[in-house]
N, C-alpha and C. Protein backbone atom coordinates (compact mmCIF):
# COMPACT_ATOMS: atom_id res chain seq x y z
N MET A 1 0.83 -1.19 0.00
CA MET A 1 0.02 0.00 0.00
C MET A 1 0.89 1.24 0.01
N ILE A 2 0.39 2.25 -0.64
CA ILE A 2 1.09 3.57 -0.71
C ILE A 2 0.23 4.58 -0.07
N ARG A 3 0.82 5.37 0.84
CA ARG A 3 0.06 6.40 1.54
C ARG A 3 0.14 7.71 0.73
N ILE A 4 -1.07 8.22 0.39
CA ILE A 4 -1.17 9.54 -0.25
C ILE A 4 -2.25 10.32 0.53
N ASP A 5 -1.83 11.40 1.17
CA ASP A 5 -2.70 12.15 2.05
C ASP A 5 -3.28 11.23 3.11
N ASP A 6 -4.65 11.14 3.20
CA ASP A 6 -5.24 10.29 4.16
C ASP A 6 -5.78 8.99 3.53
N THR A 7 -5.16 8.62 2.39
CA THR A 7 -5.59 7.35 1.76
C THR A 7 -4.42 6.36 1.76
N LEU A 8 -4.76 5.10 1.71
CA LEU A 8 -3.83 4.01 1.51
C LEU A 8 -4.23 3.42 0.17
N VAL A 9 -3.34 3.48 -0.78
CA VAL A 9 -3.65 3.06 -2.15
C VAL A 9 -2.97 1.71 -2.45
N SER A 10 -3.73 0.77 -2.93
CA SER A 10 -3.23 -0.55 -3.28
C SER A 10 -2.15 -0.44 -4.38
N ASP A 11 -1.09 -1.15 -4.20
CA ASP A 11 0.03 -1.20 -5.20
C ASP A 11 -0.52 -1.65 -6.55
N ASP A 12 -1.58 -2.41 -6.58
CA ASP A 12 -2.12 -2.89 -7.84
C ASP A 12 -2.51 -1.82 -8.80
N PHE A 13 -2.87 -0.64 -8.30
CA PHE A 13 -3.26 0.47 -9.19
C PHE A 13 -2.10 0.92 -10.06
N PHE A 14 -0.87 0.63 -9.60
CA PHE A 14 0.31 1.05 -10.33
C PHE A 14 0.93 -0.14 -11.12
N SER A 15 0.62 -1.33 -10.76
CA SER A 15 1.26 -2.50 -11.39
C SER A 15 0.33 -3.20 -12.37
N GLU A 16 -0.96 -3.21 -12.11
CA GLU A 16 -1.93 -3.92 -12.98
C GLU A 16 -2.39 -3.04 -14.14
N LYS A 17 -2.83 -3.66 -15.19
CA LYS A 17 -3.33 -2.97 -16.39
C LYS A 17 -4.85 -3.25 -16.45
N PHE A 18 -5.56 -2.24 -16.99
CA PHE A 18 -7.03 -2.34 -16.99
C PHE A 18 -7.64 -1.31 -17.93
N VAL A 19 -8.47 -1.73 -18.83
CA VAL A 19 -9.30 -0.87 -19.71
C VAL A 19 -10.57 -1.64 -19.96
N CYS A 20 -11.72 -1.07 -19.54
CA CYS A 20 -13.02 -1.80 -19.79
C CYS A 20 -13.17 -2.16 -21.24
N ASP A 21 -13.70 -3.33 -21.47
CA ASP A 21 -13.96 -3.83 -22.84
C ASP A 21 -15.39 -4.29 -22.86
N LEU A 22 -16.33 -3.33 -22.98
CA LEU A 22 -17.75 -3.65 -22.94
C LEU A 22 -18.18 -4.67 -24.02
N SER A 23 -17.48 -4.62 -25.20
CA SER A 23 -17.88 -5.58 -26.22
C SER A 23 -17.64 -7.02 -25.78
N ALA A 24 -16.70 -7.20 -24.87
CA ALA A 24 -16.36 -8.56 -24.41
C ALA A 24 -17.13 -8.97 -23.17
N CYS A 25 -17.25 -8.03 -22.17
CA CYS A 25 -17.89 -8.41 -20.91
C CYS A 25 -19.38 -8.11 -20.86
N LYS A 26 -19.86 -7.26 -21.76
CA LYS A 26 -21.28 -6.90 -21.84
C LYS A 26 -21.81 -6.17 -20.59
N GLY A 27 -20.85 -5.54 -19.85
CA GLY A 27 -21.28 -4.79 -18.65
C GLY A 27 -21.65 -5.72 -17.47
N ALA A 28 -20.96 -6.84 -17.40
CA ALA A 28 -21.29 -7.83 -16.37
C ALA A 28 -21.23 -7.29 -14.97
N CYS A 29 -20.42 -6.25 -14.70
CA CYS A 29 -20.33 -5.70 -13.32
C CYS A 29 -21.64 -5.05 -12.89
N CYS A 30 -22.50 -4.71 -13.83
CA CYS A 30 -23.81 -4.18 -13.52
C CYS A 30 -24.87 -5.21 -13.31
N VAL A 31 -24.49 -6.47 -13.57
CA VAL A 31 -25.44 -7.60 -13.50
C VAL A 31 -25.05 -8.60 -12.43
N GLU A 32 -23.77 -8.88 -12.28
CA GLU A 32 -23.28 -9.86 -11.37
C GLU A 32 -23.09 -9.28 -9.97
N GLY A 33 -22.95 -10.14 -8.97
CA GLY A 33 -22.63 -9.68 -7.63
C GLY A 33 -23.79 -9.94 -6.66
N GLU A 34 -23.46 -9.69 -5.39
CA GLU A 34 -24.41 -10.02 -4.33
C GLU A 34 -25.30 -8.87 -3.92
N SER A 35 -24.91 -7.64 -4.30
CA SER A 35 -25.75 -6.49 -3.97
C SER A 35 -25.58 -5.44 -5.05
N GLY A 36 -26.36 -4.36 -4.94
CA GLY A 36 -26.26 -3.28 -5.94
C GLY A 36 -25.00 -2.48 -5.81
N ALA A 37 -24.91 -1.43 -6.61
CA ALA A 37 -23.72 -0.55 -6.63
C ALA A 37 -23.74 0.27 -5.30
N PRO A 38 -22.58 0.35 -4.67
CA PRO A 38 -22.47 1.18 -3.47
C PRO A 38 -22.81 2.61 -3.74
N LEU A 39 -23.50 3.22 -2.79
CA LEU A 39 -23.89 4.63 -2.94
C LEU A 39 -23.38 5.43 -1.75
N GLU A 40 -22.90 6.65 -2.05
CA GLU A 40 -22.50 7.55 -1.00
C GLU A 40 -23.76 8.27 -0.49
N GLU A 41 -23.70 8.66 0.79
CA GLU A 41 -24.88 9.24 1.41
C GLU A 41 -25.48 10.40 0.63
N GLU A 42 -24.60 11.28 0.11
CA GLU A 42 -25.10 12.45 -0.64
C GLU A 42 -25.77 12.04 -1.98
N GLU A 43 -25.45 10.83 -2.46
CA GLU A 43 -26.04 10.35 -3.70
C GLU A 43 -27.50 9.91 -3.52
N LEU A 44 -27.91 9.65 -2.30
CA LEU A 44 -29.25 9.16 -2.02
C LEU A 44 -30.27 10.30 -2.40
N GLU A 45 -29.99 11.47 -1.96
CA GLU A 45 -30.84 12.64 -2.27
C GLU A 45 -30.80 12.92 -3.76
N LYS A 46 -29.63 12.75 -4.37
CA LYS A 46 -29.49 12.97 -5.84
C LYS A 46 -30.39 12.03 -6.62
N LEU A 47 -30.40 10.76 -6.20
CA LEU A 47 -31.31 9.77 -6.88
C LEU A 47 -32.73 10.23 -6.83
N ASP A 48 -33.12 10.77 -5.67
CA ASP A 48 -34.52 11.23 -5.55
C ASP A 48 -34.77 12.44 -6.49
N GLU A 49 -33.80 13.30 -6.61
CA GLU A 49 -33.93 14.47 -7.49
C GLU A 49 -34.05 14.09 -8.97
N ILE A 50 -33.29 13.06 -9.39
CA ILE A 50 -33.19 12.79 -10.82
C ILE A 50 -34.07 11.63 -11.31
N TYR A 51 -34.70 10.93 -10.38
CA TYR A 51 -35.41 9.70 -10.74
C TYR A 51 -36.43 9.94 -11.87
N ASP A 52 -37.18 10.99 -11.82
CA ASP A 52 -38.20 11.21 -12.88
C ASP A 52 -37.55 11.41 -14.26
N ASP A 53 -36.31 11.94 -14.27
CA ASP A 53 -35.59 12.12 -15.56
C ASP A 53 -34.96 10.80 -16.04
N VAL A 54 -34.65 9.92 -15.09
CA VAL A 54 -34.00 8.64 -15.42
C VAL A 54 -35.01 7.60 -15.81
N LYS A 55 -36.19 7.66 -15.18
CA LYS A 55 -37.24 6.62 -15.32
C LYS A 55 -37.58 6.29 -16.80
N PRO A 56 -37.64 7.31 -17.72
CA PRO A 56 -38.00 6.96 -19.08
C PRO A 56 -36.98 6.05 -19.78
N TYR A 57 -35.73 6.00 -19.23
CA TYR A 57 -34.69 5.18 -19.84
C TYR A 57 -34.71 3.74 -19.26
N MET A 58 -35.40 3.59 -18.17
CA MET A 58 -35.34 2.31 -17.44
C MET A 58 -36.29 1.27 -18.05
N ARG A 59 -35.99 0.02 -17.80
CA ARG A 59 -36.84 -1.09 -18.18
C ARG A 59 -38.00 -1.21 -17.13
N SER A 60 -39.06 -1.78 -17.56
CA SER A 60 -40.20 -1.93 -16.64
C SER A 60 -39.82 -2.75 -15.41
N GLU A 61 -38.93 -3.72 -15.51
CA GLU A 61 -38.47 -4.51 -14.40
C GLU A 61 -37.70 -3.68 -13.39
N GLY A 62 -36.93 -2.72 -13.87
CA GLY A 62 -36.17 -1.84 -13.03
C GLY A 62 -37.09 -0.85 -12.30
N ILE A 63 -38.08 -0.34 -13.02
CA ILE A 63 -39.06 0.54 -12.41
C ILE A 63 -39.82 -0.19 -11.32
N GLU A 64 -40.18 -1.43 -11.56
CA GLU A 64 -40.90 -2.21 -10.59
C GLU A 64 -40.02 -2.49 -9.37
N ALA A 65 -38.76 -2.76 -9.59
CA ALA A 65 -37.81 -2.99 -8.47
C ALA A 65 -37.72 -1.76 -7.58
N VAL A 66 -37.68 -0.56 -8.24
CA VAL A 66 -37.59 0.68 -7.47
C VAL A 66 -38.92 0.89 -6.70
N LYS A 67 -40.01 0.57 -7.35
CA LYS A 67 -41.33 0.76 -6.69
C LYS A 67 -41.42 -0.13 -5.47
N GLN A 68 -40.90 -1.36 -5.56
CA GLN A 68 -40.98 -2.29 -4.41
C GLN A 68 -39.92 -2.05 -3.35
N GLN A 69 -38.71 -1.69 -3.77
CA GLN A 69 -37.58 -1.61 -2.83
C GLN A 69 -37.19 -0.17 -2.46
N GLY A 70 -37.55 0.77 -3.30
CA GLY A 70 -37.13 2.16 -3.13
C GLY A 70 -35.97 2.48 -4.06
N LEU A 71 -35.59 3.75 -4.06
CA LEU A 71 -34.50 4.23 -4.94
C LEU A 71 -33.17 3.60 -4.57
N PHE A 72 -33.04 3.18 -3.33
CA PHE A 72 -31.83 2.53 -2.90
C PHE A 72 -32.21 1.54 -1.78
N THR A 73 -31.34 0.61 -1.41
CA THR A 73 -31.55 -0.30 -0.33
C THR A 73 -30.33 -0.32 0.56
N VAL A 74 -30.38 -1.06 1.62
CA VAL A 74 -29.23 -1.28 2.50
C VAL A 74 -28.87 -2.76 2.44
N ASP A 75 -27.59 -3.03 2.10
CA ASP A 75 -27.16 -4.39 1.97
C ASP A 75 -26.81 -5.05 3.29
N THR A 76 -26.36 -6.28 3.26
CA THR A 76 -26.07 -7.03 4.51
C THR A 76 -24.94 -6.42 5.29
N ASP A 77 -24.11 -5.59 4.70
CA ASP A 77 -23.01 -4.93 5.39
C ASP A 77 -23.47 -3.58 5.98
N GLY A 78 -24.76 -3.22 5.71
CA GLY A 78 -25.27 -1.95 6.23
C GLY A 78 -24.95 -0.79 5.30
N ASP A 79 -24.53 -1.05 4.07
CA ASP A 79 -24.18 -0.01 3.11
C ASP A 79 -25.36 0.33 2.22
N TYR A 80 -25.49 1.58 1.78
CA TYR A 80 -26.50 1.97 0.82
C TYR A 80 -26.08 1.46 -0.55
N VAL A 81 -26.97 0.87 -1.26
CA VAL A 81 -26.72 0.30 -2.62
C VAL A 81 -27.93 0.48 -3.49
N THR A 82 -27.70 0.36 -4.77
CA THR A 82 -28.83 0.42 -5.75
C THR A 82 -29.68 -0.84 -5.60
N PRO A 83 -30.96 -0.75 -5.84
CA PRO A 83 -31.78 -1.97 -5.79
C PRO A 83 -31.47 -2.90 -7.01
N LEU A 84 -31.80 -4.15 -6.83
CA LEU A 84 -31.56 -5.12 -7.88
C LEU A 84 -32.88 -5.65 -8.41
N VAL A 85 -32.86 -6.11 -9.65
CA VAL A 85 -33.99 -6.79 -10.29
C VAL A 85 -33.81 -8.27 -10.03
N ASP A 86 -34.72 -8.90 -9.27
CA ASP A 86 -34.67 -10.32 -8.98
C ASP A 86 -33.32 -10.80 -8.49
N GLY A 87 -32.63 -9.97 -7.72
CA GLY A 87 -31.33 -10.35 -7.15
C GLY A 87 -30.21 -10.40 -8.17
N LYS A 88 -30.44 -9.82 -9.35
CA LYS A 88 -29.44 -9.87 -10.41
C LYS A 88 -28.96 -8.46 -10.74
N GLU A 89 -29.39 -7.97 -11.92
CA GLU A 89 -28.84 -6.66 -12.38
C GLU A 89 -29.40 -5.48 -11.59
N CYS A 90 -28.62 -4.43 -11.62
CA CYS A 90 -28.98 -3.15 -11.00
C CYS A 90 -30.31 -2.66 -11.61
N ALA A 91 -31.20 -2.15 -10.77
CA ALA A 91 -32.48 -1.65 -11.25
C ALA A 91 -32.30 -0.55 -12.31
N TYR A 92 -31.20 0.15 -12.30
CA TYR A 92 -30.97 1.26 -13.23
C TYR A 92 -30.26 0.83 -14.51
N VAL A 93 -30.34 -0.44 -14.83
CA VAL A 93 -29.69 -0.98 -16.03
C VAL A 93 -30.74 -1.19 -17.12
N ALA A 94 -30.31 -0.87 -18.36
CA ALA A 94 -31.06 -1.23 -19.56
C ALA A 94 -30.09 -2.03 -20.43
N PHE A 95 -30.60 -2.81 -21.33
CA PHE A 95 -29.75 -3.62 -22.18
C PHE A 95 -29.90 -3.13 -23.62
N ASP A 96 -28.76 -2.96 -24.31
CA ASP A 96 -28.87 -2.53 -25.72
C ASP A 96 -29.14 -3.72 -26.57
N LYS A 97 -29.24 -3.58 -27.90
CA LYS A 97 -29.61 -4.66 -28.79
C LYS A 97 -28.60 -5.79 -28.80
N ASN A 98 -27.35 -5.54 -28.33
CA ASN A 98 -26.35 -6.58 -28.24
C ASN A 98 -26.33 -7.25 -26.89
N GLY A 99 -27.24 -6.87 -26.02
CA GLY A 99 -27.30 -7.49 -24.70
C GLY A 99 -26.30 -6.83 -23.69
N THR A 100 -25.75 -5.71 -24.03
CA THR A 100 -24.81 -5.04 -23.17
C THR A 100 -25.56 -4.18 -22.17
N ALA A 101 -25.20 -4.32 -20.86
CA ALA A 101 -25.79 -3.52 -19.81
C ALA A 101 -25.36 -2.07 -19.94
N LYS A 102 -26.30 -1.17 -19.85
CA LYS A 102 -26.02 0.26 -19.94
C LYS A 102 -26.68 0.94 -18.72
N CYS A 103 -26.02 1.95 -18.19
CA CYS A 103 -26.55 2.66 -17.01
C CYS A 103 -27.55 3.70 -17.49
N THR A 104 -28.81 3.59 -17.01
CA THR A 104 -29.82 4.55 -17.44
C THR A 104 -29.57 5.93 -16.79
N ILE A 105 -28.91 5.93 -15.63
CA ILE A 105 -28.58 7.21 -15.03
C ILE A 105 -27.57 7.98 -15.92
N GLU A 106 -26.58 7.22 -16.43
CA GLU A 106 -25.63 7.82 -17.34
C GLU A 106 -26.27 8.19 -18.65
N MET A 107 -27.18 7.42 -19.13
CA MET A 107 -27.89 7.67 -20.36
C MET A 107 -28.61 9.08 -20.28
N ALA A 108 -29.30 9.26 -19.16
CA ALA A 108 -30.04 10.52 -18.92
C ALA A 108 -29.05 11.69 -18.86
N PHE A 109 -27.90 11.45 -18.20
CA PHE A 109 -26.85 12.47 -18.09
C PHE A 109 -26.36 12.84 -19.50
N ARG A 110 -26.03 11.82 -20.27
CA ARG A 110 -25.45 12.07 -21.63
C ARG A 110 -26.42 12.80 -22.53
N ASP A 111 -27.74 12.62 -22.27
CA ASP A 111 -28.76 13.33 -23.05
C ASP A 111 -29.09 14.69 -22.45
N GLY A 112 -28.36 15.13 -21.41
CA GLY A 112 -28.56 16.43 -20.82
C GLY A 112 -29.78 16.56 -19.93
N LYS A 113 -30.32 15.44 -19.49
CA LYS A 113 -31.51 15.45 -18.64
C LYS A 113 -31.17 15.66 -17.19
N THR A 114 -29.94 15.32 -16.76
CA THR A 114 -29.53 15.51 -15.36
C THR A 114 -28.10 16.01 -15.34
N ASP A 115 -27.66 16.41 -14.14
CA ASP A 115 -26.26 16.83 -13.96
C ASP A 115 -25.48 15.77 -13.14
N PHE A 116 -26.04 14.58 -13.02
CA PHE A 116 -25.43 13.52 -12.24
C PHE A 116 -25.02 12.38 -13.19
N LEU A 117 -23.71 12.11 -13.33
CA LEU A 117 -23.24 11.15 -14.27
C LEU A 117 -23.69 9.74 -13.93
N LYS A 118 -23.38 9.31 -12.72
CA LYS A 118 -23.75 8.01 -12.19
C LYS A 118 -23.11 7.86 -10.81
N PRO A 119 -23.49 6.85 -10.03
CA PRO A 119 -22.82 6.70 -8.74
C PRO A 119 -21.32 6.68 -8.88
N VAL A 120 -20.61 7.34 -8.02
CA VAL A 120 -19.17 7.43 -8.13
C VAL A 120 -18.54 6.06 -7.98
N SER A 121 -19.13 5.17 -7.23
CA SER A 121 -18.60 3.79 -7.14
C SER A 121 -18.56 3.07 -8.44
N CYS A 122 -19.55 3.33 -9.27
CA CYS A 122 -19.60 2.72 -10.60
C CYS A 122 -18.49 3.33 -11.49
N HIS A 123 -18.39 4.64 -11.39
CA HIS A 123 -17.43 5.37 -12.22
C HIS A 123 -15.96 4.95 -11.83
N LEU A 124 -15.73 4.66 -10.57
CA LEU A 124 -14.42 4.31 -10.03
C LEU A 124 -14.10 2.84 -10.24
N TYR A 125 -15.04 2.01 -10.61
CA TYR A 125 -14.76 0.58 -10.68
C TYR A 125 -13.62 0.30 -11.65
N PRO A 126 -12.62 -0.52 -11.27
CA PRO A 126 -12.57 -1.54 -10.23
C PRO A 126 -12.01 -1.06 -8.89
N MET A 127 -12.01 0.23 -8.63
CA MET A 127 -11.55 0.73 -7.35
C MET A 127 -12.73 0.60 -6.35
N ARG A 128 -12.40 0.06 -5.17
CA ARG A 128 -13.35 0.01 -4.09
C ARG A 128 -12.81 0.84 -2.93
N ILE A 129 -13.64 1.64 -2.28
CA ILE A 129 -13.23 2.52 -1.21
C ILE A 129 -13.70 1.91 0.11
N ASN A 130 -12.80 1.75 1.07
CA ASN A 130 -13.14 1.25 2.40
C ASN A 130 -12.68 2.29 3.40
N GLU A 131 -13.63 2.81 4.15
CA GLU A 131 -13.30 3.80 5.19
C GLU A 131 -12.82 3.07 6.45
N LEU A 132 -11.58 3.42 6.84
CA LEU A 132 -11.01 2.83 8.04
C LEU A 132 -10.99 3.93 9.12
N LYS A 133 -10.50 3.59 10.29
CA LYS A 133 -10.50 4.53 11.39
C LYS A 133 -9.69 5.77 11.06
N ASP A 134 -8.47 5.60 10.60
CA ASP A 134 -7.54 6.72 10.35
C ASP A 134 -7.29 7.01 8.89
N PHE A 135 -7.71 6.09 8.02
CA PHE A 135 -7.38 6.19 6.59
C PHE A 135 -8.60 5.76 5.76
N THR A 136 -8.53 6.15 4.51
CA THR A 136 -9.43 5.59 3.48
C THR A 136 -8.61 4.66 2.63
N ALA A 137 -9.02 3.37 2.59
CA ALA A 137 -8.29 2.41 1.77
C ALA A 137 -8.88 2.32 0.38
N LEU A 138 -8.00 2.43 -0.64
CA LEU A 138 -8.43 2.33 -2.04
C LEU A 138 -7.91 0.99 -2.51
N ASN A 139 -8.81 0.06 -2.70
CA ASN A 139 -8.45 -1.28 -3.10
C ASN A 139 -8.85 -1.60 -4.53
N TYR A 140 -8.05 -2.42 -5.15
CA TYR A 140 -8.35 -2.90 -6.52
C TYR A 140 -9.19 -4.16 -6.39
N HIS A 141 -10.39 -4.18 -6.94
CA HIS A 141 -11.25 -5.31 -6.85
C HIS A 141 -10.97 -6.21 -8.06
N HIS A 142 -10.34 -7.32 -7.80
CA HIS A 142 -9.97 -8.23 -8.90
C HIS A 142 -11.10 -9.26 -9.06
N TRP A 143 -11.89 -9.12 -10.11
CA TRP A 143 -13.07 -9.94 -10.32
C TRP A 143 -12.89 -10.67 -11.66
N PRO A 144 -13.06 -11.98 -11.75
CA PRO A 144 -12.87 -12.67 -12.99
C PRO A 144 -13.66 -12.17 -14.20
N ILE A 145 -14.85 -11.60 -13.92
CA ILE A 145 -15.64 -11.09 -15.03
C ILE A 145 -14.94 -9.94 -15.77
N CYS A 146 -13.90 -9.37 -15.11
CA CYS A 146 -13.16 -8.26 -15.74
C CYS A 146 -11.89 -8.75 -16.42
N ASP A 147 -11.75 -10.06 -16.66
CA ASP A 147 -10.54 -10.55 -17.38
C ASP A 147 -10.41 -9.86 -18.72
N PRO A 148 -11.50 -9.60 -19.47
CA PRO A 148 -11.30 -8.91 -20.76
C PRO A 148 -10.72 -7.50 -20.55
N ALA A 149 -11.07 -6.83 -19.47
CA ALA A 149 -10.52 -5.51 -19.19
C ALA A 149 -9.02 -5.56 -18.91
N ARG A 150 -8.58 -6.60 -18.22
CA ARG A 150 -7.19 -6.77 -17.92
C ARG A 150 -6.43 -7.10 -19.19
N THR A 151 -7.02 -7.90 -20.07
CA THR A 151 -6.39 -8.19 -21.38
C THR A 151 -6.28 -6.92 -22.20
N CYS A 152 -7.37 -6.21 -22.29
CA CYS A 152 -7.37 -4.94 -23.06
C CYS A 152 -6.37 -3.93 -22.47
N GLY A 153 -6.33 -3.80 -21.18
CA GLY A 153 -5.41 -2.90 -20.52
C GLY A 153 -3.96 -3.28 -20.80
N ALA A 154 -3.71 -4.60 -20.77
CA ALA A 154 -2.34 -5.06 -21.06
C ALA A 154 -1.96 -4.77 -22.48
N ASN A 155 -2.90 -5.00 -23.40
CA ASN A 155 -2.65 -4.75 -24.82
C ASN A 155 -2.38 -3.28 -25.09
N LEU A 156 -3.06 -2.43 -24.33
CA LEU A 156 -2.93 -0.95 -24.55
C LEU A 156 -1.88 -0.34 -23.58
N ASN A 157 -1.38 -1.18 -22.66
CA ASN A 157 -0.40 -0.78 -21.66
C ASN A 157 -0.90 0.40 -20.83
N VAL A 158 -2.10 0.25 -20.24
CA VAL A 158 -2.75 1.29 -19.43
C VAL A 158 -2.87 0.77 -17.99
N LYS A 159 -2.22 1.45 -17.08
CA LYS A 159 -2.33 1.10 -15.69
C LYS A 159 -3.69 1.47 -15.15
N VAL A 160 -4.13 0.72 -14.11
CA VAL A 160 -5.45 0.90 -13.52
C VAL A 160 -5.71 2.34 -13.17
N PHE A 161 -4.77 3.01 -12.45
CA PHE A 161 -5.01 4.38 -11.97
C PHE A 161 -5.14 5.34 -13.17
N ARG A 162 -4.45 5.07 -14.26
CA ARG A 162 -4.55 5.97 -15.43
C ARG A 162 -5.87 5.79 -16.14
N PHE A 163 -6.36 4.51 -16.19
CA PHE A 163 -7.73 4.24 -16.72
C PHE A 163 -8.80 5.00 -15.90
N LEU A 164 -8.57 5.14 -14.60
CA LEU A 164 -9.53 5.75 -13.70
C LEU A 164 -9.30 7.26 -13.51
N LYS A 165 -8.55 7.89 -14.36
CA LYS A 165 -8.19 9.30 -14.15
C LYS A 165 -9.44 10.17 -13.93
N GLU A 166 -10.38 10.10 -14.82
CA GLU A 166 -11.56 10.98 -14.74
C GLU A 166 -12.36 10.77 -13.42
N PRO A 167 -12.69 9.51 -13.08
CA PRO A 167 -13.41 9.32 -11.82
C PRO A 167 -12.55 9.64 -10.56
N ILE A 168 -11.25 9.39 -10.63
CA ILE A 168 -10.39 9.75 -9.49
C ILE A 168 -10.42 11.24 -9.28
N ILE A 169 -10.33 12.01 -10.38
CA ILE A 169 -10.36 13.46 -10.27
C ILE A 169 -11.78 13.91 -9.74
N ARG A 170 -12.80 13.21 -10.24
CA ARG A 170 -14.16 13.55 -9.77
C ARG A 170 -14.29 13.38 -8.30
N LYS A 171 -13.72 12.30 -7.76
CA LYS A 171 -13.86 11.96 -6.31
C LYS A 171 -12.88 12.69 -5.45
N PHE A 172 -11.61 12.75 -5.87
CA PHE A 172 -10.52 13.22 -5.04
C PHE A 172 -9.86 14.53 -5.46
N GLY A 173 -10.08 14.95 -6.71
CA GLY A 173 -9.51 16.17 -7.20
C GLY A 173 -8.27 15.96 -8.09
N GLU A 174 -7.95 16.98 -8.89
CA GLU A 174 -6.81 16.98 -9.83
C GLU A 174 -5.50 16.84 -9.04
N GLU A 175 -5.32 17.55 -7.97
CA GLU A 175 -4.07 17.52 -7.19
C GLU A 175 -3.81 16.11 -6.70
N TYR A 176 -4.85 15.40 -6.25
CA TYR A 176 -4.66 14.02 -5.77
C TYR A 176 -4.20 13.14 -6.91
N PHE A 177 -4.82 13.30 -8.09
CA PHE A 177 -4.39 12.47 -9.21
C PHE A 177 -2.92 12.73 -9.55
N GLU A 178 -2.50 13.99 -9.49
CA GLU A 178 -1.09 14.31 -9.77
C GLU A 178 -0.16 13.62 -8.75
N LYS A 179 -0.64 13.43 -7.48
CA LYS A 179 0.15 12.69 -6.50
C LYS A 179 0.27 11.26 -6.83
N LEU A 180 -0.82 10.68 -7.46
CA LEU A 180 -0.72 9.31 -7.95
C LEU A 180 0.30 9.19 -9.06
N VAL A 181 0.31 10.14 -9.97
CA VAL A 181 1.29 10.14 -11.07
C VAL A 181 2.69 10.23 -10.48
N ALA A 182 2.92 11.08 -9.49
CA ALA A 182 4.25 11.20 -8.87
C ALA A 182 4.64 9.91 -8.19
N ALA A 183 3.70 9.26 -7.49
CA ALA A 183 3.96 8.00 -6.88
C ALA A 183 4.34 6.94 -7.91
N ASP A 184 3.64 6.91 -9.02
CA ASP A 184 3.90 5.97 -10.10
C ASP A 184 5.32 6.25 -10.67
N ASN A 185 5.66 7.49 -10.91
CA ASN A 185 6.97 7.83 -11.42
C ASN A 185 8.11 7.35 -10.45
N LEU A 186 7.86 7.54 -9.16
CA LEU A 186 8.82 7.10 -8.18
C LEU A 186 8.96 5.59 -8.19
N LEU A 187 7.85 4.86 -8.23
CA LEU A 187 7.90 3.43 -8.29
C LEU A 187 8.65 2.97 -9.54
N GLU A 188 8.37 3.59 -10.65
CA GLU A 188 9.03 3.20 -11.91
C GLU A 188 10.58 3.45 -11.84
N SER A 189 10.97 4.54 -11.21
CA SER A 189 12.41 4.88 -11.12
C SER A 189 13.14 3.96 -10.17
N ASN A 190 12.41 3.29 -9.25
CA ASN A 190 13.02 2.39 -8.33
C ASN A 190 13.07 0.94 -8.80
N LYS A 191 12.60 0.69 -10.02
CA LYS A 191 12.61 -0.69 -10.55
C LYS A 191 14.00 -1.06 -10.97
């Protein structure tokens, strides 16, 4: 782990390669798993604000899941998460003609209907944030469904933290990202 400000950053962000390959995985991270996408507390109110603008993009199954479970739920760890459709895909998922999962929140954003891109946990994936007593741990979630992303990242020679530049800046700021770049340069010079 590397300490940057009040975060502990997994070494994997500097050593592993990763670039999402939706044509290969079909957005499996939005479908697989035991619970919905993690939500930050301030995102709960945002979901309430934007739901009417997102709803037209959603599938009927997703709308029904929200009607039954609410805009968000609490998982077994006590974390806020997006609701699921029949314990599978996120309620905010639609599928394109190729069967690829697409985020309806992001679709509404791209069409200028909202000012909220999507939950930051989705944007940051495969980074997972764990709040500890004295630090925030930034961990690399290594999930077999993302093997195509690791292959694509290796082929393009893109490190995980560089793939996540935009969401890292969204969550932590430009200066923080520059500290990641500096840490990576130092690690490379010590090889």
